[in-house]
PDB file of N, CA and C in Angstrom:
ATOM      1  N   UNK A   1      14.214  12.551 -75.529  1.00  0.00           N
ATOM      2  CA  UNK A   1      13.347  11.728 -76.346  1.00  0.00           C
ATOM      3  C   UNK A   1      12.265  12.619 -76.932  1.00  0.00           C
ATOM      4  N   UNK A   2      12.071  12.533 -78.198  1.00  0.00           N
ATOM      5  CA  UNK A   2      11.087  13.377 -78.885  1.00  0.00           C
ATOM      6  C   UNK A   2       9.683  12.864 -78.627  1.00  0.00           C
ATOM      7  N   UNK A   3       8.738  13.800 -78.599  1.00  0.00           N
ATOM      8  CA  UNK A   3       7.331  13.454 -78.448  1.00  0.00           C
ATOM      9  C   UNK A   3       6.874  12.682 -79.686  1.00  0.00           C
ATOM     10  N   UNK A   4       5.866  11.811 -79.571  1.00  0.00           N
ATOM     11  CA  UNK A   4       5.438  11.012 -80.725  1.00  0.00           C
ATOM     12  C   UNK A   4       4.887  11.876 -81.860  1.00  0.00           C
ATOM     13  N   UNK A   5       4.315  13.020 -81.543  1.00  0.00           N
ATOM     14  CA  UNK A   5       3.772  13.872 -82.595  1.00  0.00           C
ATOM     15  C   UNK A   5       4.820  14.816 -83.157  1.00  0.00           C
ATOM     16  N   UNK A   6       6.055  14.716 -82.660  1.00  0.00           N
ATOM     17  CA  UNK A   6       7.123  15.579 -83.142  1.00  0.00           C
ATOM     18  C   UNK A   6       8.070  14.830 -84.091  1.00  0.00           C
ATOM     19  N   UNK A   7       7.620  13.695 -84.597  1.00  0.00           N
ATOM     20  CA  UNK A   7       8.467  12.943 -85.521  1.00  0.00           C
ATOM     21  C   UNK A   7       8.722  13.745 -86.781  1.00  0.00           C
ATOM     22  N   UNK A   8       9.893  13.544 -87.343  1.00  0.00           N
ATOM     23  CA  UNK A   8      10.191  14.212 -88.599  1.00  0.00           C
ATOM     24  C   UNK A   8       9.400  13.537 -89.703  1.00  0.00           C
ATOM     25  N   UNK A   9       8.738  14.317 -90.562  1.00  0.00           N
ATOM     26  CA  UNK A   9       7.992  13.702 -91.655  1.00  0.00           C
ATOM     27  C   UNK A   9       8.935  13.046 -92.653  1.00  0.00           C
ATOM     28  N   UNK A  10       8.474  11.966 -93.210  1.00  0.00           N
ATOM     29  CA  UNK A  10       9.244  11.254 -94.215  1.00  0.00           C
ATOM     30  C   UNK A  10       8.797  11.753 -95.575  1.00  0.00           C
ATOM     31  N   UNK A  11       9.737  12.082 -96.391  1.00  0.00           N
ATOM     32  CA  UNK A  11       9.414  12.637 -97.695  1.00  0.00           C
ATOM     33  C   UNK A  11       8.775  11.578 -98.594  1.00  0.00           C
ATOM     34  N   UNK A  12       7.595  11.869 -99.173  1.00  0.00           N
ATOM     35  CA  UNK A  12       6.947  10.888-100.041  1.00  0.00           C
ATOM     36  C   UNK A  12       7.644  10.733-101.384  1.00  0.00           C
ATOM     37  N   UNK A  13       8.614  11.593-101.686  1.00  0.00           N
ATOM     38  CA  UNK A  13       9.282  11.505-102.981  1.00  0.00           C
ATOM     39  C   UNK A  13      10.569  10.700-102.908  1.00  0.00           C
ATOM     40  N   UNK A  14      10.810  10.009-101.795  1.00  0.00           N
ATOM     41  CA  UNK A  14      12.062   9.277-101.671  1.00  0.00           C
ATOM     42  C   UNK A  14      12.050   7.975-102.462  1.00  0.00           C
ATOM     43  N   UNK A  15      10.888   7.575-102.921  1.00  0.00           N
ATOM     44  CA  UNK A  15      10.849   6.403-103.768  1.00  0.00           C
ATOM     45  C   UNK A  15      10.204   5.197-103.121  1.00  0.00           C
ATOM     46  N   UNK A  16      10.163   5.109-101.815  1.00  0.00           N
ATOM     47  CA  UNK A  16       9.573   3.968-101.140  1.00  0.00           C
ATOM     48  C   UNK A  16       8.103   4.261-100.856  1.00  0.00           C
ATOM     49  N   UNK A  17       7.191   3.434-101.388  1.00  0.00           N
ATOM     50  CA  UNK A  17       5.769   3.719-101.225  1.00  0.00           C
ATOM     51  C   UNK A  17       5.308   3.725 -99.770  1.00  0.00           C
ATOM     52  N   UNK A  18       5.897   2.946 -98.919  1.00  0.00           N
ATOM     53  CA  UNK A  18       5.476   2.876 -97.525  1.00  0.00           C
ATOM     54  C   UNK A  18       5.749   4.147 -96.745  1.00  0.00           C
ATOM     55  N   UNK A  19       6.703   4.925 -97.191  1.00  0.00           N
ATOM     56  CA  UNK A  19       7.067   6.138 -96.461  1.00  0.00           C
ATOM     57  C   UNK A  19       5.946   7.178 -96.507  1.00  0.00           C
ATOM     58  N   UNK A  20       5.291   7.342 -97.633  1.00  0.00           N
ATOM     59  CA  UNK A  20       4.215   8.330 -97.714  1.00  0.00           C
ATOM     60  C   UNK A  20       3.026   7.906 -96.852  1.00  0.00           C
ATOM     61  N   UNK A  21       2.833   6.612 -96.683  1.00  0.00           N
ATOM     62  CA  UNK A  21       1.760   6.123 -95.831  1.00  0.00           C
ATOM     63  C   UNK A  21       2.061   6.468 -94.375  1.00  0.00           C
ATOM     64  N   UNK A  22       3.332   6.372 -93.965  1.00  0.00           N
ATOM     65  CA  UNK A  22       3.697   6.698 -92.588  1.00  0.00           C
ATOM     66  C   UNK A  22       3.443   8.165 -92.276  1.00  0.00           C
ATOM     67  N   UNK A  23       3.666   9.042 -93.220  1.00  0.00           N
ATOM     68  CA  UNK A  23       3.426  10.469 -92.993  1.00  0.00           C
ATOM     69  C   UNK A  23       1.938  10.716 -92.792  1.00  0.00           C
ATOM     70  N   UNK A  24       1.083  10.115 -93.635  1.00  0.00           N
ATOM     71  CA  UNK A  24      -0.358  10.337 -93.477  1.00  0.00           C
ATOM     72  C   UNK A  24      -0.861   9.701 -92.190  1.00  0.00           C
ATOM     73  N   UNK A  25      -0.304   8.560 -91.784  1.00  0.00           N
ATOM     74  CA  UNK A  25      -0.693   7.958 -90.515  1.00  0.00           C
ATOM     75  C   UNK A  25      -0.273   8.859 -89.352  1.00  0.00           C
ATOM     76  N   UNK A  26       0.898   9.478 -89.480  1.00  0.00           N
ATOM     77  CA  UNK A  26       1.374  10.380 -88.443  1.00  0.00           C
ATOM     78  C   UNK A  26       0.430  11.565 -88.302  1.00  0.00           C
ATOM     79  N   UNK A  27      -0.034  12.112 -89.397  1.00  0.00           N
ATOM     80  CA  UNK A  27      -0.963  13.236 -89.369  1.00  0.00           C
ATOM     81  C   UNK A  27      -2.293  12.791 -88.763  1.00  0.00           C
ATOM     82  N   UNK A  28      -2.754  11.612 -89.137  1.00  0.00           N
ATOM     83  CA  UNK A  28      -3.999  11.100 -88.577  1.00  0.00           C
ATOM     84  C   UNK A  28      -3.866  10.849 -87.074  1.00  0.00           C
ATOM     85  N   UNK A  29      -2.710  10.349 -86.657  1.00  0.00           N
ATOM     86  CA  UNK A  29      -2.461  10.131 -85.226  1.00  0.00           C
ATOM     87  C   UNK A  29      -2.495  11.454 -84.469  1.00  0.00           C
ATOM     88  N   UNK A  30      -1.827  12.457 -85.008  1.00  0.00           N
ATOM     89  CA  UNK A  30      -1.813  13.767 -84.354  1.00  0.00           C
ATOM     90  C   UNK A  30      -3.210  14.364 -84.310  1.00  0.00           C
ATOM     91  N   UNK A  31      -3.965  14.229 -85.380  1.00  0.00           N
ATOM     92  CA  UNK A  31      -5.326  14.762 -85.418  1.00  0.00           C
ATOM     93  C   UNK A  31      -6.182  14.092 -84.350  1.00  0.00           C
ATOM     94  N   UNK A  32      -6.088  12.781 -84.245  1.00  0.00           N
ATOM     95  CA  UNK A  32      -6.853  12.059 -83.226  1.00  0.00           C
ATOM     96  C   UNK A  32      -6.422  12.484 -81.826  1.00  0.00           C
ATOM     97  N   UNK A  33      -5.129  12.667 -81.648  1.00  0.00           N
ATOM     98  CA  UNK A  33      -4.614  13.098 -80.344  1.00  0.00           C
ATOM     99  C   UNK A  33      -5.155  14.482 -79.981  1.00  0.00           C
ATOM    100  N   UNK A  34      -5.121  15.417 -80.911  1.00  0.00           N
ATOM    101  CA  UNK A  34      -5.621  16.771 -80.650  1.00  0.00           C
ATOM    102  C   UNK A  34      -7.124  16.771 -80.411  1.00  0.00           C
ATOM    103  N   UNK A  35      -7.853  15.958 -81.149  1.00  0.00           N
ATOM    104  CA  UNK A  35      -9.297  15.883 -80.932  1.00  0.00           C
ATOM    105  C   UNK A  35      -9.611  15.338 -79.540  1.00  0.00           C
ATOM    106  N   UNK A  36      -8.862  14.348 -79.109  1.00  0.00           N
ATOM    107  CA  UNK A  36      -9.061  13.792 -77.766  1.00  0.00           C
ATOM    108  C   UNK A  36      -8.730  14.840 -76.703  1.00  0.00           C
ATOM    109  N   UNK A  37      -7.668  15.607 -76.916  1.00  0.00           N
ATOM    110  CA  UNK A  37      -7.308  16.662 -75.974  1.00  0.00           C
ATOM    111  C   UNK A  37      -8.391  17.739 -75.916  1.00  0.00           C
ATOM    112  N   UNK A  38      -8.947  18.099 -77.050  1.00  0.00           N
ATOM    113  CA  UNK A  38     -10.007  19.104 -77.094  1.00  0.00           C
ATOM    114  C   UNK A  38     -11.228  18.610 -76.324  1.00  0.00           C
ATOM    115  N   UNK A  39     -11.596  17.359 -76.515  1.00  0.00           N
ATOM    116  CA  UNK A  39     -12.737  16.803 -75.784  1.00  0.00           C
ATOM    117  C   UNK A  39     -12.470  16.802 -74.284  1.00  0.00           C
ATOM    118  N   UNK A  40     -11.248  16.486 -73.900  1.00  0.00           N
ATOM    119  CA  UNK A  40     -10.884  16.496 -72.487  1.00  0.00           C
ATOM    120  C   UNK A  40     -10.967  17.917 -71.919  1.00  0.00           C
ATOM    121  N   UNK A  41     -10.481  18.888 -72.662  1.00  0.00           N
ATOM    122  CA  UNK A  41     -10.547  20.280 -72.217  1.00  0.00           C
ATOM    123  C   UNK A  41     -11.988  20.764 -72.115  1.00  0.00           C
ATOM    124  N   UNK A  42     -12.834  20.354 -73.067  1.00  0.00           N
ATOM    125  CA  UNK A  42     -14.248  20.741 -73.009  1.00  0.00           C
ATOM    126  C   UNK A  42     -14.911  20.191 -71.755  1.00  0.00           C
ATOM    127  N   UNK A  43     -14.577  18.965 -71.400  1.00  0.00           N
ATOM    128  CA  UNK A  43     -15.135  18.364 -70.188  1.00  0.00           C
ATOM    129  C   UNK A  43     -14.642  19.107 -68.946  1.00  0.00           C
ATOM    130  N   UNK A  44     -13.361  19.480 -68.927  1.00  0.00           N
ATOM    131  CA  UNK A  44     -12.814  20.233 -67.796  1.00  0.00           C
ATOM    132  C   UNK A  44     -13.485  21.601 -67.658  1.00  0.00           C
ATOM    133  N   UNK A  45     -13.707  22.279 -68.770  1.00  0.00           N
ATOM    134  CA  UNK A  45     -14.351  23.594 -68.732  1.00  0.00           C
ATOM    135  C   UNK A  45     -15.795  23.458 -68.250  1.00  0.00           C
ATOM    136  N   UNK A  46     -16.487  22.420 -68.676  1.00  0.00           N
ATOM    137  CA  UNK A  46     -17.865  22.205 -68.226  1.00  0.00           C
ATOM    138  C   UNK A  46     -17.907  21.962 -66.717  1.00  0.00           C
ATOM    139  N   UNK A  47     -16.970  21.169 -66.201  1.00  0.00           N
ATOM    140  CA  UNK A  47     -16.912  20.927 -64.754  1.00  0.00           C
ATOM    141  C   UNK A  47     -16.616  22.214 -64.000  1.00  0.00           C
ATOM    142  N   UNK A  48     -15.685  23.009 -64.517  1.00  0.00           N
ATOM    143  CA  UNK A  48     -15.331  24.272 -63.872  1.00  0.00           C
ATOM    144  C   UNK A  48     -16.516  25.236 -63.873  1.00  0.00           C
ATOM    145  N   UNK A  49     -17.228  25.326 -64.989  1.00  0.00           N
ATOM    146  CA  UNK A  49     -18.400  26.197 -65.068  1.00  0.00           C
ATOM    147  C   UNK A  49     -19.465  25.759 -64.073  1.00  0.00           C
ATOM    148  N   UNK A  50     -19.673  24.471 -63.929  1.00  0.00           N
ATOM    149  CA  UNK A  50     -20.657  23.964 -62.976  1.00  0.00           C
ATOM    150  C   UNK A  50     -20.238  24.295 -61.541  1.00  0.00           C
ATOM    151  N   UNK A  51     -18.965  24.148 -61.236  1.00  0.00           N
ATOM    152  CA  UNK A  51     -18.461  24.456 -59.902  1.00  0.00           C
ATOM    153  C   UNK A  51     -18.631  25.940 -59.583  1.00  0.00           C
ATOM    154  N   UNK A  52     -18.283  26.791 -60.532  1.00  0.00           N
ATOM    155  CA  UNK A  52     -18.429  28.240 -60.328  1.00  0.00           C
ATOM    156  C   UNK A  52     -19.898  28.597 -60.164  1.00  0.00           C
ATOM    157  N   UNK A  53     -20.748  28.018 -60.977  1.00  0.00           N
ATOM    158  CA  UNK A  53     -22.182  28.287 -60.894  1.00  0.00           C
ATOM    159  C   UNK A  53     -22.732  27.901 -59.523  1.00  0.00           C
ATOM    160  N   UNK A  54     -22.364  26.738 -59.041  1.00  0.00           N
ATOM    161  CA  UNK A  54     -22.824  26.294 -57.716  1.00  0.00           C
ATOM    162  C   UNK A  54     -22.307  27.210 -56.611  1.00  0.00           C
ATOM    163  N   UNK A  55     -21.056  27.639 -56.732  1.00  0.00           N
ATOM    164  CA  UNK A  55     -20.463  28.511 -55.722  1.00  0.00           C
ATOM    165  C   UNK A  55     -21.171  29.864 -55.688  1.00  0.00           C
ATOM    166  N   UNK A  56     -21.417  30.425 -56.854  1.00  0.00           N
ATOM    167  CA  UNK A  56     -22.097  31.718 -56.922  1.00  0.00           C
ATOM    168  C   UNK A  56     -23.516  31.595 -56.374  1.00  0.00           C
ATOM    169  N   UNK A  57     -24.205  30.534 -56.749  1.00  0.00           N
ATOM    170  CA  UNK A  57     -25.569  30.325 -56.273  1.00  0.00           C
ATOM    171  C   UNK A  57     -25.598  30.211 -54.748  1.00  0.00           C
ATOM    172  N   UNK A  58     -24.668  29.444 -54.190  1.00  0.00           N
ATOM    173  CA  UNK A  58     -24.617  29.276 -52.738  1.00  0.00           C
ATOM    174  C   UNK A  58     -24.285  30.581 -52.023  1.00  0.00           C
ATOM    175  N   UNK A  59     -23.462  31.408 -52.640  1.00  0.00           N
ATOM    176  CA  UNK A  59     -23.096  32.689 -52.049  1.00  0.00           C
ATOM    177  C   UNK A  59     -24.231  33.695 -52.138  1.00  0.00           C
ATOM    178  N   UNK A  60     -24.977  33.683 -53.230  1.00  0.00           N
ATOM    179  CA  UNK A  60     -26.007  34.693 -53.462  1.00  0.00           C
ATOM    180  C   UNK A  60     -27.321  34.410 -52.737  1.00  0.00           C
ATOM    181  N   UNK A  61     -27.616  33.176 -52.409  1.00  0.00           N
ATOM    182  CA  UNK A  61     -28.893  32.850 -51.758  1.00  0.00           C
ATOM    183  C   UNK A  61     -29.102  33.625 -50.459  1.00  0.00           C
ATOM    184  N   UNK A  62     -28.142  33.637 -49.538  1.00  0.00           N
ATOM    185  CA  UNK A  62     -28.365  34.411 -48.308  1.00  0.00           C
ATOM    186  C   UNK A  62     -28.519  35.910 -48.575  1.00  0.00           C
ATOM    187  N   UNK A  63     -27.762  36.421 -49.534  1.00  0.00           N
ATOM    188  CA  UNK A  63     -27.870  37.849 -49.865  1.00  0.00           C
ATOM    189  C   UNK A  63     -29.247  38.168 -50.433  1.00  0.00           C
ATOM    190  N   UNK A  64     -29.775  37.296 -51.260  1.00  0.00           N
ATOM    191  CA  UNK A  64     -31.098  37.520 -51.842  1.00  0.00           C
ATOM    192  C   UNK A  64     -32.175  37.480 -50.762  1.00  0.00           C
ATOM    193  N   UNK A  65     -32.049  36.564 -49.836  1.00  0.00           N
ATOM    194  CA  UNK A  65     -33.027  36.497 -48.729  1.00  0.00           C
ATOM    195  C   UNK A  65     -32.980  37.768 -47.883  1.00  0.00           C
ATOM    196  N   UNK A  66     -31.768  38.249 -47.606  1.00  0.00           N
ATOM    197  CA  UNK A  66     -31.625  39.471 -46.826  1.00  0.00           C
ATOM    198  C   UNK A  66     -32.218  40.669 -47.565  1.00  0.00           C
ATOM    199  N   UNK A  67     -31.975  40.748 -48.872  1.00  0.00           N
ATOM    200  CA  UNK A  67     -32.537  41.837 -49.674  1.00  0.00           C
ATOM    201  C   UNK A  67     -34.064  41.781 -49.673  1.00  0.00           C
ATOM    202  N   UNK A  68     -34.627  40.581 -49.794  1.00  0.00           N
ATOM    203  CA  UNK A  68     -36.088  40.442 -49.747  1.00  0.00           C
ATOM    204  C   UNK A  68     -36.645  40.921 -48.405  1.00  0.00           C
ATOM    205  N   UNK A  69     -35.942  40.628 -47.341  1.00  0.00           N
ATOM    206  CA  UNK A  69     -36.373  41.059 -46.010  1.00  0.00           C
ATOM    207  C   UNK A  69     -36.346  42.583 -45.894  1.00  0.00           C
ATOM    208  N   UNK A  70     -35.285  43.204 -46.385  1.00  0.00           N
ATOM    209  CA  UNK A  70     -35.173  44.666 -46.326  1.00  0.00           C
ATOM    210  C   UNK A  70     -36.257  45.316 -47.163  1.00  0.00           C
ATOM    211  N   UNK A  71     -36.503  44.799 -48.362  1.00  0.00           N
ATOM    212  CA  UNK A  71     -37.537  45.370 -49.228  1.00  0.00           C
ATOM    213  C   UNK A  71     -38.911  45.203 -48.589  1.00  0.00           C
ATOM    214  N   UNK A  72     -39.155  44.077 -47.941  1.00  0.00           N
ATOM    215  CA  UNK A  72     -40.446  43.852 -47.283  1.00  0.00           C
ATOM    216  C   UNK A  72     -40.639  44.817 -46.107  1.00  0.00           C
ATOM    217  N   UNK A  73     -39.561  45.122 -45.402  1.00  0.00           N
ATOM    218  CA  UNK A  73     -39.662  46.046 -44.262  1.00  0.00           C
ATOM    219  C   UNK A  73     -39.802  47.500 -44.692  1.00  0.00           C
ATOM    220  N   UNK A  74     -39.159  47.869 -45.802  1.00  0.00           N
ATOM    221  CA  UNK A  74     -39.133  49.265 -46.253  1.00  0.00           C
ATOM    222  C   UNK A  74     -39.496  49.353 -47.733  1.00  0.00           C
ATOM    223  N   UNK A  75     -40.753  49.104 -48.101  1.00  0.00           N
ATOM    224  CA  UNK A  75     -41.113  49.080 -49.522  1.00  0.00           C
ATOM    225  C   UNK A  75     -40.999  50.449 -50.206  1.00  0.00           C
ATOM    226  N   UNK A  76     -41.382  51.522 -49.536  1.00  0.00           N
ATOM    227  CA  UNK A  76     -41.322  52.847 -50.160  1.00  0.00           C
ATOM    228  C   UNK A  76     -39.870  53.254 -50.414  1.00  0.00           C
ATOM    229  N   UNK A  77     -39.025  53.069 -49.450  1.00  0.00           N
ATOM    230  CA  UNK A  77     -37.608  53.402 -49.612  1.00  0.00           C
ATOM    231  C   UNK A  77     -36.971  52.541 -50.706  1.00  0.00           C
ATOM    232  N   UNK A  78     -37.372  51.293 -50.795  1.00  0.00           N
ATOM    233  CA  UNK A  78     -36.816  50.397 -51.817  1.00  0.00           C
ATOM    234  C   UNK A  78     -37.191  50.845 -53.218  1.00  0.00           C
ATOM    235  N   UNK A  79     -38.469  51.236 -53.393  1.00  0.00           N
ATOM    236  CA  UNK A  79     -38.920  51.701 -54.706  1.00  0.00           C
ATOM    237  C   UNK A  79     -38.235  53.017 -55.058  1.00  0.00           C
ATOM    238  N   UNK A  80     -38.111  53.920 -54.090  1.00  0.00           N
ATOM    239  CA  UNK A  80     -37.443  55.203 -54.332  1.00  0.00           C
ATOM    240  C   UNK A  80     -35.981  54.981 -54.703  1.00  0.00           C
ATOM    241  N   UNK A  81     -35.307  54.095 -53.984  1.00  0.00           N
ATOM    242  CA  UNK A  81     -33.904  53.789 -54.292  1.00  0.00           C
ATOM    243  C   UNK A  81     -33.774  53.201 -55.692  1.00  0.00           C
ATOM    244  N   UNK A  82     -34.638  52.258 -56.041  1.00  0.00           N
ATOM    245  CA  UNK A  82     -34.578  51.625 -57.366  1.00  0.00           C
ATOM    246  C   UNK A  82     -34.828  52.651 -58.466  1.00  0.00           C
ATOM    247  N   UNK A  83     -35.781  53.557 -58.257  1.00  0.00           N
ATOM    248  CA  UNK A  83     -36.060  54.592 -59.264  1.00  0.00           C
ATOM    249  C   UNK A  83     -34.860  55.524 -59.408  1.00  0.00           C
ATOM    250  N   UNK A  84     -34.284  55.928 -58.290  1.00  0.00           N
ATOM    251  CA  UNK A  84     -33.105  56.806 -58.348  1.00  0.00           C
ATOM    252  C   UNK A  84     -31.936  56.139 -59.036  1.00  0.00           C
ATOM    253  N   UNK A  85     -31.724  54.879 -58.735  1.00  0.00           N
ATOM    254  CA  UNK A  85     -30.643  54.133 -59.375  1.00  0.00           C
ATOM    255  C   UNK A  85     -30.886  54.016 -60.884  1.00  0.00           C
ATOM    256  N   UNK A  86     -32.138  53.767 -61.261  1.00  0.00           N
ATOM    257  CA  UNK A  86     -32.478  53.684 -62.686  1.00  0.00           C
ATOM    258  C   UNK A  86     -32.247  55.007 -63.404  1.00  0.00           C
ATOM    259  N   UNK A  87     -32.621  56.123 -62.769  1.00  0.00           N
ATOM    260  CA  UNK A  87     -32.375  57.441 -63.362  1.00  0.00           C
ATOM    261  C   UNK A  87     -30.885  57.721 -63.512  1.00  0.00           C
ATOM    262  N   UNK A  88     -30.116  57.387 -62.476  1.00  0.00           N
ATOM    263  CA  UNK A  88     -28.669  57.598 -62.529  1.00  0.00           C
ATOM    264  C   UNK A  88     -28.030  56.771 -63.642  1.00  0.00           C
ATOM    265  N   UNK A  89     -28.377  55.505 -63.724  1.00  0.00           N
ATOM    266  CA  UNK A  89     -27.823  54.649 -64.787  1.00  0.00           C
ATOM    267  C   UNK A  89     -28.247  55.129 -66.162  1.00  0.00           C
ATOM    268  N   UNK A  90     -29.506  55.546 -66.302  1.00  0.00           N
ATOM    269  CA  UNK A  90     -29.973  56.089 -67.578  1.00  0.00           C
ATOM    270  C   UNK A  90     -29.218  57.331 -67.986  1.00  0.00           C
ATOM    271  N   UNK A  91     -28.959  58.205 -67.027  1.00  0.00           N
ATOM    272  CA  UNK A  91     -28.196  59.421 -67.307  1.00  0.00           C
ATOM    273  C   UNK A  91     -26.766  59.090 -67.724  1.00  0.00           C
ATOM    274  N   UNK A  92     -26.119  58.188 -66.979  1.00  0.00           N
ATOM    275  CA  UNK A  92     -24.726  57.815 -67.303  1.00  0.00           C
ATOM    276  C   UNK A  92     -24.613  57.116 -68.650  1.00  0.00           C
ATOM    277  N   UNK A  93     -25.582  56.314 -69.000  1.00  0.00           N
ATOM    278  CA  UNK A  93     -25.514  55.589 -70.272  1.00  0.00           C
ATOM    279  C   UNK A  93     -25.871  56.492 -71.455  1.00  0.00           C
ATOM    280  N   UNK A  94     -26.605  57.561 -71.217  1.00  0.00           N
ATOM    281  CA  UNK A  94     -26.981  58.445 -72.335  1.00  0.00           C
ATOM    282  C   UNK A  94     -25.879  59.440 -72.670  1.00  0.00           C
ATOM    283  N   UNK A  95     -24.933  59.634 -71.762  1.00  0.00           N
ATOM    284  CA  UNK A  95     -23.821  60.564 -72.026  1.00  0.00           C
ATOM    285  C   UNK A  95     -22.874  59.961 -73.043  1.00  0.00           C
ATOM    286  N   UNK A  96     -22.354  60.802 -73.896  1.00  0.00           N
ATOM    287  CA  UNK A  96     -21.423  60.313 -74.916  1.00  0.00           C
ATOM    288  C   UNK A  96     -20.030  60.775 -74.661  1.00  0.00           C
TER     289      UNK A  96
END
């Protein structure tokens, strides 16, 4: 059984005025169907993005707390490490 949007178009030059109307209705039906599918996909992507965002946030919170604790315990080492990392990244990005 063929899909409803896979109907063969009816030639508007066959002489019957109603046939050309069926072709334009078929195109309008397909357009509405595709627009509805696009809206459904947009909603699915938004839900997926929200789920990923929540998962990442939940995973990163404990790591951020641990990092804050380490930086509070060793402030000089943390600043030295950050400066060294910045110099290394600057050097790597400036190379061509």
